[in-house]
PDB file of all heavy atoms in Angstrom:
ATOM      1  N   GLU A   1    -227.670-134.315-255.816  1.00  0.00           N
ATOM      2  CA  GLU A   1    -226.281-134.489-255.184  1.00  0.00           C
ATOM      3  C   GLU A   1    -225.747-135.903-255.476  1.00  0.00           C
ATOM      4  O   GLU A   1    -224.573-136.059-255.733  1.00  0.00           O
ATOM      5  CB  GLU A   1    -226.363-134.253-253.670  1.00  0.00           C
ATOM      6  CG  GLU A   1    -225.006-134.174-253.068  1.00  0.00           C
ATOM      7  CD  GLU A   1    -224.980-133.714-251.660  1.00  0.00           C
ATOM      8  OE1 GLU A   1    -225.973-133.148-251.175  1.00  0.00           O
ATOM      9  OE2 GLU A   1    -223.963-133.949-250.993  1.00  0.00           O
ATOM     10  N   ALA A   2    -226.613-136.916-255.518  1.00  0.00           N
ATOM     11  CA  ALA A   2    -226.158-138.232-255.737  1.00  0.00           C
ATOM     12  C   ALA A   2    -225.613-138.452-257.137  1.00  0.00           C
ATOM     13  O   ALA A   2    -224.869-139.318-257.421  1.00  0.00           O
ATOM     14  CB  ALA A   2    -227.302-139.192-255.473  1.00  0.00           C
ATOM     15  N   ASP A   3    -225.960-137.514-258.075  1.00  0.00           N
ATOM     16  CA  ASP A   3    -225.577-137.667-259.435  1.00  0.00           C
ATOM     17  C   ASP A   3    -224.114-137.103-259.626  1.00  0.00           C
ATOM     18  O   ASP A   3    -223.509-137.277-260.719  1.00  0.00           O
ATOM     19  CB  ASP A   3    -226.528-136.908-260.339  1.00  0.00           C
ATOM     20  CG  ASP A   3    -227.834-137.503-260.357  1.00  0.00           C
ATOM     21  OD1 ASP A   3    -228.040-138.699-260.244  1.00  0.00           O
ATOM     22  OD2 ASP A   3    -228.884-136.715-260.488  1.00  0.00           O
ATOM     23  N   LEU A   4    -223.690-136.256-258.701  1.00  0.00           N
ATOM     24  CA  LEU A   4    -222.413-135.656-258.767  1.00  0.00           C
ATOM     25  C   LEU A   4    -221.297-136.599-258.680  1.00  0.00           C
ATOM     26  O   LEU A   4    -221.410-137.584-257.936  1.00  0.00           O
ATOM     27  CB  LEU A   4    -222.290-134.502-257.803  1.00  0.00           C
ATOM     28  CG  LEU A   4    -223.297-133.379-257.935  1.00  0.00           C
ATOM     29  CD1 LEU A   4    -223.151-132.390-256.821  1.00  0.00           C
ATOM     30  CD2 LEU A   4    -223.175-132.641-259.246  1.00  0.00           C
ATOM     31  N   PRO A   5    -220.150-136.378-259.312  1.00  0.00           N
ATOM     32  CA  PRO A   5    -219.008-137.315-259.188  1.00  0.00           C
ATOM     33  C   PRO A   5    -218.408-137.293-257.754  1.00  0.00           C
ATOM     34  O   PRO A   5    -218.472-136.274-257.096  1.00  0.00           O
ATOM     35  CB  PRO A   5    -217.981-136.797-260.215  1.00  0.00           C
ATOM     36  CG  PRO A   5    -218.335-135.356-260.490  1.00  0.00           C
ATOM     37  CD  PRO A   5    -219.859-135.278-260.214  1.00  0.00           C
ATOM     38  N   THR A   6    -217.929-138.445-257.398  1.00  0.00           N
ATOM     39  CA  THR A   6    -217.326-138.514-256.049  1.00  0.00           C
ATOM     40  C   THR A   6    -215.754-138.627-256.165  1.00  0.00           C
ATOM     41  O   THR A   6    -215.318-139.068-257.233  1.00  0.00           O
ATOM     42  CB  THR A   6    -217.797-139.713-255.268  1.00  0.00           C
ATOM     43  OG1 THR A   6    -217.576-140.879-256.023  1.00  0.00           O
ATOM     44  CG2 THR A   6    -219.324-139.612-255.029  1.00  0.00           C
ATOM     45  N   ALA A   7    -215.045-138.356-255.169  1.00  0.00           N
ATOM     46  CA  ALA A   7    -213.597-138.495-255.172  1.00  0.00           C
ATOM     47  C   ALA A   7    -213.256-139.979-255.190  1.00  0.00           C
ATOM     48  O   ALA A   7    -213.909-140.773-254.626  1.00  0.00           O
ATOM     49  CB  ALA A   7    -213.049-137.781-253.885  1.00  0.00           C
ATOM     50  N   PRO A   8    -212.227-140.247-255.948  1.00  0.00           N
ATOM     51  CA  PRO A   8    -211.794-141.677-255.962  1.00  0.00           C
ATOM     52  C   PRO A   8    -211.218-142.143-254.601  1.00  0.00           C
ATOM     53  O   PRO A   8    -210.864-141.344-253.781  1.00  0.00           O
ATOM     54  CB  PRO A   8    -210.689-141.678-257.028  1.00  0.00           C
ATOM     55  CG  PRO A   8    -210.204-140.277-257.160  1.00  0.00           C
ATOM     56  CD  PRO A   8    -211.356-139.421-256.732  1.00  0.00           C
ATOM     57  N   PRO A   9    -211.253-143.518-254.396  1.00  0.00           N
ATOM     58  CA  PRO A   9    -210.736-143.920-253.172  1.00  0.00           C
ATOM     59  C   PRO A   9    -209.270-143.668-252.956  1.00  0.00           C
ATOM     60  O   PRO A   9    -208.576-143.350-253.956  1.00  0.00           O
ATOM     61  CB  PRO A   9    -210.909-145.438-253.237  1.00  0.00           C
ATOM     62  CG  PRO A   9    -211.666-145.738-254.473  1.00  0.00           C
ATOM     63  CD  PRO A   9    -211.714-144.495-255.237  1.00  0.00           C
ATOM     64  N   ALA A  10    -208.763-143.642-251.713  1.00  0.00           N
ATOM     65  CA  ALA A  10    -207.390-143.317-251.375  1.00  0.00           C
ATOM     66  C   ALA A  10    -206.442-144.290-252.112  1.00  0.00           C
ATOM     67  O   ALA A  10    -205.335-143.821-252.471  1.00  0.00           O
ATOM     68  CB  ALA A  10    -207.199-143.447-249.844  1.00  0.00           C
ATOM     69  N   ARG A  11    -206.755-145.535-252.391  1.00  0.00           N
ATOM     70  CA  ARG A  11    -205.875-146.459-253.061  1.00  0.00           C
ATOM     71  C   ARG A  11    -205.540-145.908-254.501  1.00  0.00           C
ATOM     72  O   ARG A  11    -204.486-146.171-255.001  1.00  0.00           O
ATOM     73  CB  ARG A  11    -206.495-147.839-253.124  1.00  0.00           C
ATOM     74  CG  ARG A  11    -207.719-148.000-253.814  1.00  0.00           C
ATOM     75  CD  ARG A  11    -208.248-149.426-253.757  1.00  0.00           C
ATOM     76  NE  ARG A  11    -209.695-149.517-254.103  1.00  0.00           N
ATOM     77  CZ  ARG A  11    -210.202-149.430-255.322  1.00  0.00           C
ATOM     78  NH1 ARG A  11    -209.303-149.247-256.343  1.00  0.00           N
ATOM     79  NH2 ARG A  11    -211.419-149.521-255.587  1.00  0.00           N
ATOM     80  N   VAL A  12    -206.510-145.214-255.130  1.00  0.00           N
ATOM     81  CA  VAL A  12    -206.229-144.746-256.420  1.00  0.00           C
ATOM     82  C   VAL A  12    -205.114-143.675-256.358  1.00  0.00           C
ATOM     83  O   VAL A  12    -204.181-143.689-257.239  1.00  0.00           O
ATOM     84  CB  VAL A  12    -207.477-144.098-257.068  1.00  0.00           C
ATOM     85  CG1 VAL A  12    -207.245-143.392-258.315  1.00  0.00           C
ATOM     86  CG2 VAL A  12    -208.566-145.254-257.315  1.00  0.00           C
ATOM     87  N   TRP A  13    -205.235-142.692-255.414  1.00  0.00           N
ATOM     88  CA  TRP A  13    -204.225-141.734-255.271  1.00  0.00           C
ATOM     89  C   TRP A  13    -202.824-142.317-254.889  1.00  0.00           C
ATOM     90  O   TRP A  13    -201.750-141.921-255.319  1.00  0.00           O
ATOM     91  CB  TRP A  13    -204.639-140.631-254.213  1.00  0.00           C
ATOM     92  CG  TRP A  13    -205.791-139.832-254.743  1.00  0.00           C
ATOM     93  CD1 TRP A  13    -207.031-139.804-254.192  1.00  0.00           C
ATOM     94  CD2 TRP A  13    -205.859-139.020-255.884  1.00  0.00           C
ATOM     95  NE1 TRP A  13    -207.813-139.009-254.909  1.00  0.00           N
ATOM     96  CE2 TRP A  13    -207.152-138.458-255.921  1.00  0.00           C
ATOM     97  CE3 TRP A  13    -204.915-138.633-256.814  1.00  0.00           C
ATOM     98  CZ2 TRP A  13    -207.566-137.563-256.956  1.00  0.00           C
ATOM     99  CZ3 TRP A  13    -205.396-137.787-257.838  1.00  0.00           C
ATOM    100  CH2 TRP A  13    -206.616-137.244-257.906  1.00  0.00           C
ATOM    101  N   GLN A  14    -202.854-143.382-254.137  1.00  0.00           N
ATOM    102  CA  GLN A  14    -201.627-144.037-253.714  1.00  0.00           C
ATOM    103  C   GLN A  14    -200.939-144.681-254.896  1.00  0.00           C
ATOM    104  O   GLN A  14    -199.724-144.559-255.157  1.00  0.00           O
ATOM    105  CB  GLN A  14    -201.922-145.141-252.686  1.00  0.00           C
ATOM    106  CG  GLN A  14    -202.322-144.547-251.337  1.00  0.00           C
ATOM    107  CD  GLN A  14    -202.827-145.540-250.428  1.00  0.00           C
ATOM    108  OE1 GLN A  14    -203.142-146.670-250.723  1.00  0.00           O
ATOM    109  NE2 GLN A  14    -203.045-145.154-249.074  1.00  0.00           N
ATOM    110  N   ARG A  15    -201.771-145.245-255.831  1.00  0.00           N
ATOM    111  CA  ARG A  15    -201.239-145.845-257.067  1.00  0.00           C
ATOM    112  C   ARG A  15    -200.627-144.759-257.944  1.00  0.00           C
ATOM    113  O   ARG A  15    -199.612-144.918-258.624  1.00  0.00           O
ATOM    114  CB  ARG A  15    -202.246-146.669-257.832  1.00  0.00           C
ATOM    115  CG  ARG A  15    -202.807-147.901-257.131  1.00  0.00           C
ATOM    116  CD  ARG A  15    -201.907-149.144-257.221  1.00  0.00           C
ATOM    117  NE  ARG A  15    -201.406-149.449-258.553  1.00  0.00           N
ATOM    118  CZ  ARG A  15    -202.011-150.330-259.349  1.00  0.00           C
ATOM    119  NH1 ARG A  15    -203.059-150.967-258.958  1.00  0.00           N
ATOM    120  NH2 ARG A  15    -201.457-150.671-260.500  1.00  0.00           N
ATOM    121  N   ILE A  16    -201.307-143.681-258.051  1.00  0.00           N
ATOM    122  CA  ILE A  16    -200.803-142.498-258.945  1.00  0.00           C
ATOM    123  C   ILE A  16    -199.468-142.048-258.348  1.00  0.00           C
ATOM    124  O   ILE A  16    -198.523-141.814-259.145  1.00  0.00           O
ATOM    125  CB  ILE A  16    -201.838-141.412-258.998  1.00  0.00           C
ATOM    126  CG1 ILE A  16    -203.081-141.876-259.798  1.00  0.00           C
ATOM    127  CG2 ILE A  16    -201.258-140.173-259.560  1.00  0.00           C
ATOM    128  CD1 ILE A  16    -204.275-140.919-259.732  1.00  0.00           C
ATOM    129  N   ALA A  17    -199.466-141.815-257.062  1.00  0.00           N
ATOM    130  CA  ALA A  17    -198.173-141.324-256.416  1.00  0.00           C
ATOM    131  C   ALA A  17    -197.073-142.360-256.665  1.00  0.00           C
ATOM    132  O   ALA A  17    -195.920-141.982-256.919  1.00  0.00           O
ATOM    133  CB  ALA A  17    -198.410-141.111-254.926  1.00  0.00           C
ATOM    134  N   GLN A  18    -197.383-143.670-256.485  1.00  0.00           N
ATOM    135  CA  GLN A  18    -196.386-144.668-256.705  1.00  0.00           C
ATOM    136  C   GLN A  18    -195.820-144.669-258.148  1.00  0.00           C
ATOM    137  O   GLN A  18    -194.657-144.743-258.374  1.00  0.00           O
ATOM    138  CB  GLN A  18    -197.011-146.044-256.349  1.00  0.00           C
ATOM    139  CG  GLN A  18    -195.977-147.204-256.612  1.00  0.00           C
ATOM    140  CD  GLN A  18    -196.653-148.570-256.283  1.00  0.00           C
ATOM    141  OE1 GLN A  18    -197.869-148.633-256.209  1.00  0.00           O
ATOM    142  NE2 GLN A  18    -195.904-149.557-256.397  1.00  0.00           N
ATOM    143  N   GLY A  19    -196.765-144.530-259.108  1.00  0.00           N
ATOM    144  CA  GLY A  19    -196.349-144.515-260.518  1.00  0.00           C
ATOM    145  C   GLY A  19    -195.472-143.282-260.782  1.00  0.00           C
ATOM    146  O   GLY A  19    -194.555-143.336-261.586  1.00  0.00           O
ATOM    147  N   LEU A  20    -195.781-142.190-260.226  1.00  0.00           N
ATOM    148  CA  LEU A  20    -195.057-140.945-260.422  1.00  0.00           C
ATOM    149  C   LEU A  20    -193.631-141.039-259.881  1.00  0.00           C
ATOM    150  O   LEU A  20    -192.613-140.695-260.425  1.00  0.00           O
ATOM    151  CB  LEU A  20    -195.749-139.698-259.886  1.00  0.00           C
ATOM    152  CG  LEU A  20    -196.998-139.309-260.642  1.00  0.00           C
ATOM    153  CD1 LEU A  20    -197.722-138.160-259.940  1.00  0.00           C
ATOM    154  CD2 LEU A  20    -196.657-138.842-262.091  1.00  0.00           C
ATOM    155  N   SER A  21    -193.544-141.643-258.671  1.00  0.00           N
ATOM    156  CA  SER A  21    -192.242-141.829-258.064  1.00  0.00           C
ATOM    157  C   SER A  21    -191.364-142.835-258.825  1.00  0.00           C
ATOM    158  O   SER A  21    -190.205-142.636-258.909  1.00  0.00           O
ATOM    159  CB  SER A  21    -192.319-142.256-256.622  1.00  0.00           C
ATOM    160  OG  SER A  21    -192.919-143.609-256.505  1.00  0.00           O
ATOM    161  N   GLU A  22    -191.987-143.844-259.310  1.00  0.00           N
ATOM    162  CA  GLU A  22    -191.331-144.800-260.177  1.00  0.00           C
ATOM    163  C   GLU A  22    -190.726-144.184-261.442  1.00  0.00           C
ATOM    164  O   GLU A  22    -189.666-144.400-261.877  1.00  0.00           O
ATOM    165  CB  GLU A  22    -192.142-146.059-260.478  1.00  0.00           C
ATOM    166  CG  GLU A  22    -192.378-146.970-259.305  1.00  0.00           C
ATOM    167  CD  GLU A  22    -193.422-148.044-259.619  1.00  0.00           C
ATOM    168  OE1 GLU A  22    -193.934-148.122-260.726  1.00  0.00           O
ATOM    169  OE2 GLU A  22    -193.717-148.845-258.689  1.00  0.00           O
ATOM    170  N   GLU A  23    -191.558-143.334-262.049  1.00  0.00           N
ATOM    171  CA  GLU A  23    -191.200-142.574-263.264  1.00  0.00           C
ATOM    172  C   GLU A  23    -190.004-141.661-262.973  1.00  0.00           C
ATOM    173  O   GLU A  23    -189.079-141.654-263.776  1.00  0.00           O
ATOM    174  CB  GLU A  23    -192.341-141.740-263.790  1.00  0.00           C
ATOM    175  CG  GLU A  23    -192.703-142.074-265.217  1.00  0.00           C
ATOM    176  CD  GLU A  23    -193.887-141.194-265.646  1.00  0.00           C
ATOM    177  OE1 GLU A  23    -193.688-140.034-265.910  1.00  0.00           O
ATOM    178  OE2 GLU A  23    -194.953-141.750-265.748  1.00  0.00           O
ATOM    179  N   ALA A  24    -190.058-140.983-261.858  1.00  0.00           N
ATOM    180  CA  ALA A  24    -188.975-140.071-261.470  1.00  0.00           C
ATOM    181  C   ALA A  24    -187.706-140.813-261.189  1.00  0.00           C
ATOM    182  O   ALA A  24    -186.565-140.264-261.331  1.00  0.00           O
ATOM    183  CB  ALA A  24    -189.350-139.245-260.307  1.00  0.00           C
ATOM    184  N   ALA A  25    -187.763-142.049-260.814  1.00  0.00           N
ATOM    185  CA  ALA A  25    -186.526-142.813-260.392  1.00  0.00           C
ATOM    186  C   ALA A  25    -185.928-143.633-261.564  1.00  0.00           C
ATOM    187  O   ALA A  25    -185.105-144.447-261.367  1.00  0.00           O
ATOM    188  CB  ALA A  25    -186.912-143.740-259.264  1.00  0.00           C
ATOM    189  N   GLU A  26    -186.447-143.445-262.800  1.00  0.00           N
ATOM    190  CA  GLU A  26    -185.940-144.167-263.940  1.00  0.00           C
ATOM    191  C   GLU A  26    -184.469-143.922-264.129  1.00  0.00           C
ATOM    192  O   GLU A  26    -184.019-142.770-263.943  1.00  0.00           O
ATOM    193  CB  GLU A  26    -186.734-143.791-265.187  1.00  0.00           C
ATOM    194  CG  GLU A  26    -188.106-144.321-265.299  1.00  0.00           C
ATOM    195  CD  GLU A  26    -188.843-143.873-266.596  1.00  0.00           C
ATOM    196  OE1 GLU A  26    -188.142-143.275-267.437  1.00  0.00           O
ATOM    197  OE2 GLU A  26    -189.970-144.259-266.741  1.00  0.00           O
ATOM    198  N   PRO A  27    -183.740-144.904-264.448  1.00  0.00           N
ATOM    199  CA  PRO A  27    -182.255-144.740-264.663  1.00  0.00           C
ATOM    200  C   PRO A  27    -181.927-143.925-265.851  1.00  0.00           C
ATOM    201  O   PRO A  27    -182.783-143.827-266.829  1.00  0.00           O
ATOM    202  CB  PRO A  27    -181.769-146.236-264.854  1.00  0.00           C
ATOM    203  CG  PRO A  27    -182.903-146.953-265.362  1.00  0.00           C
ATOM    204  CD  PRO A  27    -184.163-146.336-264.779  1.00  0.00           C
ATOM    205  N   THR A  28    -180.838-143.264-265.830  1.00  0.00           N
ATOM    206  CA  THR A  28    -180.355-142.537-267.006  1.00  0.00           C
ATOM    207  C   THR A  28    -179.403-143.291-267.763  1.00  0.00           C
ATOM    208  O   THR A  28    -178.747-144.260-267.277  1.00  0.00           O
ATOM    209  CB  THR A  28    -179.701-141.156-266.551  1.00  0.00           C
ATOM    210  OG1 THR A  28    -178.690-141.548-265.593  1.00  0.00           O
ATOM    211  CG2 THR A  28    -180.753-140.337-265.803  1.00  0.00           C
ATOM    212  N   THR A  29    -179.209-142.921-269.091  1.00  0.00           N
ATOM    213  CA  THR A  29    -178.258-143.675-269.910  1.00  0.00           C
ATOM    214  C   THR A  29    -176.866-143.067-269.785  1.00  0.00           C
ATOM    215  O   THR A  29    -176.744-141.817-269.672  1.00  0.00           O
ATOM    216  CB  THR A  29    -178.753-143.603-271.376  1.00  0.00           C
ATOM    217  OG1 THR A  29    -178.887-142.231-271.702  1.00  0.00           O
ATOM    218  CG2 THR A  29    -180.124-144.320-271.559  1.00  0.00           C
ATOM    219  N   PRO A  30    -175.844-143.916-269.785  1.00  0.00           N
ATOM    220  CA  PRO A  30    -174.519-143.387-269.726  1.00  0.00           C
ATOM    221  C   PRO A  30    -174.127-142.564-270.971  1.00  0.00           C
ATOM    222  O   PRO A  30    -174.649-142.923-272.111  1.00  0.00           O
ATOM    223  CB  PRO A  30    -173.596-144.523-269.441  1.00  0.00           C
ATOM    224  CG  PRO A  30    -174.398-145.683-270.038  1.00  0.00           C
ATOM    225  CD  PRO A  30    -175.862-145.335-269.818  1.00  0.00           C
ATOM    226  N   PRO A  31    -173.190-141.640-270.876  1.00  0.00           N
ATOM    227  CA  PRO A  31    -172.732-140.919-272.096  1.00  0.00           C
ATOM    228  C   PRO A  31    -172.114-141.916-273.115  1.00  0.00           C
ATOM    229  O   PRO A  31    -171.405-142.830-272.669  1.00  0.00           O
ATOM    230  CB  PRO A  31    -171.872-139.867-271.619  1.00  0.00           C
ATOM    231  CG  PRO A  31    -171.453-140.286-270.260  1.00  0.00           C
ATOM    232  CD  PRO A  31    -172.496-141.239-269.724  1.00  0.00           C
ATOM    233  N   PRO A  32    -172.359-141.771-274.383  1.00  0.00           N
ATOM    234  CA  PRO A  32    -171.787-142.641-275.454  1.00  0.00           C
ATOM    235  C   PRO A  32    -170.293-142.703-275.450  1.00  0.00           C
ATOM    236  O   PRO A  32    -169.638-143.645-275.752  1.00  0.00           O
ATOM    237  CB  PRO A  32    -172.427-142.274-276.729  1.00  0.00           C
ATOM    238  CG  PRO A  32    -172.892-140.878-276.400  1.00  0.00           C
ATOM    239  CD  PRO A  32    -173.105-140.731-274.929  1.00  0.00           C
ATOM    240  N   ASP A  33    -169.673-141.541-275.053  1.00  0.00           N
ATOM    241  CA  ASP A  33    -168.186-141.492-275.220  1.00  0.00           C
ATOM    242  C   ASP A  33    -167.513-141.970-273.899  1.00  0.00           C
ATOM    243  O   ASP A  33    -166.199-142.085-273.881  1.00  0.00           O
ATOM    244  CB  ASP A  33    -167.717-140.072-275.480  1.00  0.00           C
ATOM    245  CG  ASP A  33    -168.149-139.046-274.481  1.00  0.00           C
ATOM    246  OD1 ASP A  33    -168.753-139.458-273.434  1.00  0.00           O
ATOM    247  OD2 ASP A  33    -167.857-137.880-274.587  1.00  0.00           O
ATOM    248  N   GLY A  34    -168.191-142.319-272.934  1.00  0.00           N
ATOM    249  CA  GLY A  34    -167.624-142.841-271.641  1.00  0.00           C
ATOM    250  C   GLY A  34    -166.982-141.726-270.872  1.00  0.00           C
ATOM    251  O   GLY A  34    -166.248-141.999-269.943  1.00  0.00           O
ATOM    252  N   GLY A  35    -167.229-140.430-271.201  1.00  0.00           N
ATOM    253  CA  GLY A  35    -166.541-139.325-270.527  1.00  0.00           C
ATOM    254  C   GLY A  35    -167.154-138.934-269.177  1.00  0.00           C
ATOM    255  O   GLY A  35    -167.929-139.710-268.661  1.00  0.00           O
ATOM    256  N   ASP A  36    -166.707-137.835-268.657  1.00  0.00           N
ATOM    257  CA  ASP A  36    -167.196-137.402-267.433  1.00  0.00           C
ATOM    258  C   ASP A  36    -168.429-136.497-267.444  1.00  0.00           C
ATOM    259  O   ASP A  36    -168.888-135.988-266.412  1.00  0.00           O
ATOM    260  CB  ASP A  36    -166.080-136.574-266.685  1.00  0.00           C
ATOM    261  CG  ASP A  36    -164.936-137.461-266.338  1.00  0.00           C
ATOM    262  OD1 ASP A  36    -165.160-138.608-266.144  1.00  0.00           O
ATOM    263  OD2 ASP A  36    -163.777-136.893-266.294  1.00  0.00           O
ATOM    264  N   SER A  37    -169.040-136.306-268.629  1.00  0.00           N
ATOM    265  CA  SER A  37    -170.313-135.563-268.684  1.00  0.00           C
ATOM    266  C   SER A  37    -171.351-136.159-267.993  1.00  0.00           C
ATOM    267  O   SER A  37    -171.432-137.430-267.869  1.00  0.00           O
ATOM    268  CB  SER A  37    -170.548-135.232-270.178  1.00  0.00           C
ATOM    269  OG  SER A  37    -170.833-136.478-270.851  1.00  0.00           O
ATOM    270  N   PRO A  38    -172.235-135.416-267.456  1.00  0.00           N
ATOM    271  CA  PRO A  38    -173.382-135.982-266.742  1.00  0.00           C
ATOM    272  C   PRO A  38    -174.272-136.830-267.630  1.00  0.00           C
ATOM    273  O   PRO A  38    -174.343-136.473-268.842  1.00  0.00           O
ATOM    274  CB  PRO A  38    -174.191-134.793-266.178  1.00  0.00           C
ATOM    275  CG  PRO A  38    -173.693-133.634-266.988  1.00  0.00           C
ATOM    276  CD  PRO A  38    -172.361-133.979-267.522  1.00  0.00           C
ATOM    277  N   PRO A  39    -174.784-137.912-267.092  1.00  0.00           N
ATOM    278  CA  PRO A  39    -175.671-138.750-267.939  1.00  0.00           C
ATOM    279  C   PRO A  39    -176.887-138.042-268.472  1.00  0.00           C
ATOM    280  O   PRO A  39    -177.480-137.176-267.668  1.00  0.00           O
ATOM    281  CB  PRO A  39    -176.036-139.950-267.000  1.00  0.00           C
ATOM    282  CG  PRO A  39    -175.877-139.384-265.573  1.00  0.00           C
ATOM    283  CD  PRO A  39    -174.781-138.300-265.710  1.00  0.00           C
ATOM    284  N   SER A  40    -177.265-138.376-269.596  1.00  0.00           N
ATOM    285  CA  SER A  40    -178.527-137.718-270.183  1.00  0.00           C
ATOM    286  C   SER A  40    -179.694-138.632-269.752  1.00  0.00           C
ATOM    287  O   SER A  40    -179.588-139.862-269.659  1.00  0.00           O
ATOM    288  CB  SER A  40    -178.392-137.653-271.652  1.00  0.00           C
ATOM    289  OG  SER A  40    -178.330-138.922-272.257  1.00  0.00           O
TER     290      SER A  40
END
């Protein structure tokens, strides 16, 4: 049993969640023509 992998500490999961939320909040670029189309 001691040879089996253990779950990572909670701080690891917190960093992963933080990284994912930062990735999801990345800004979008404005449309090149300056029109009303949604940003890509």
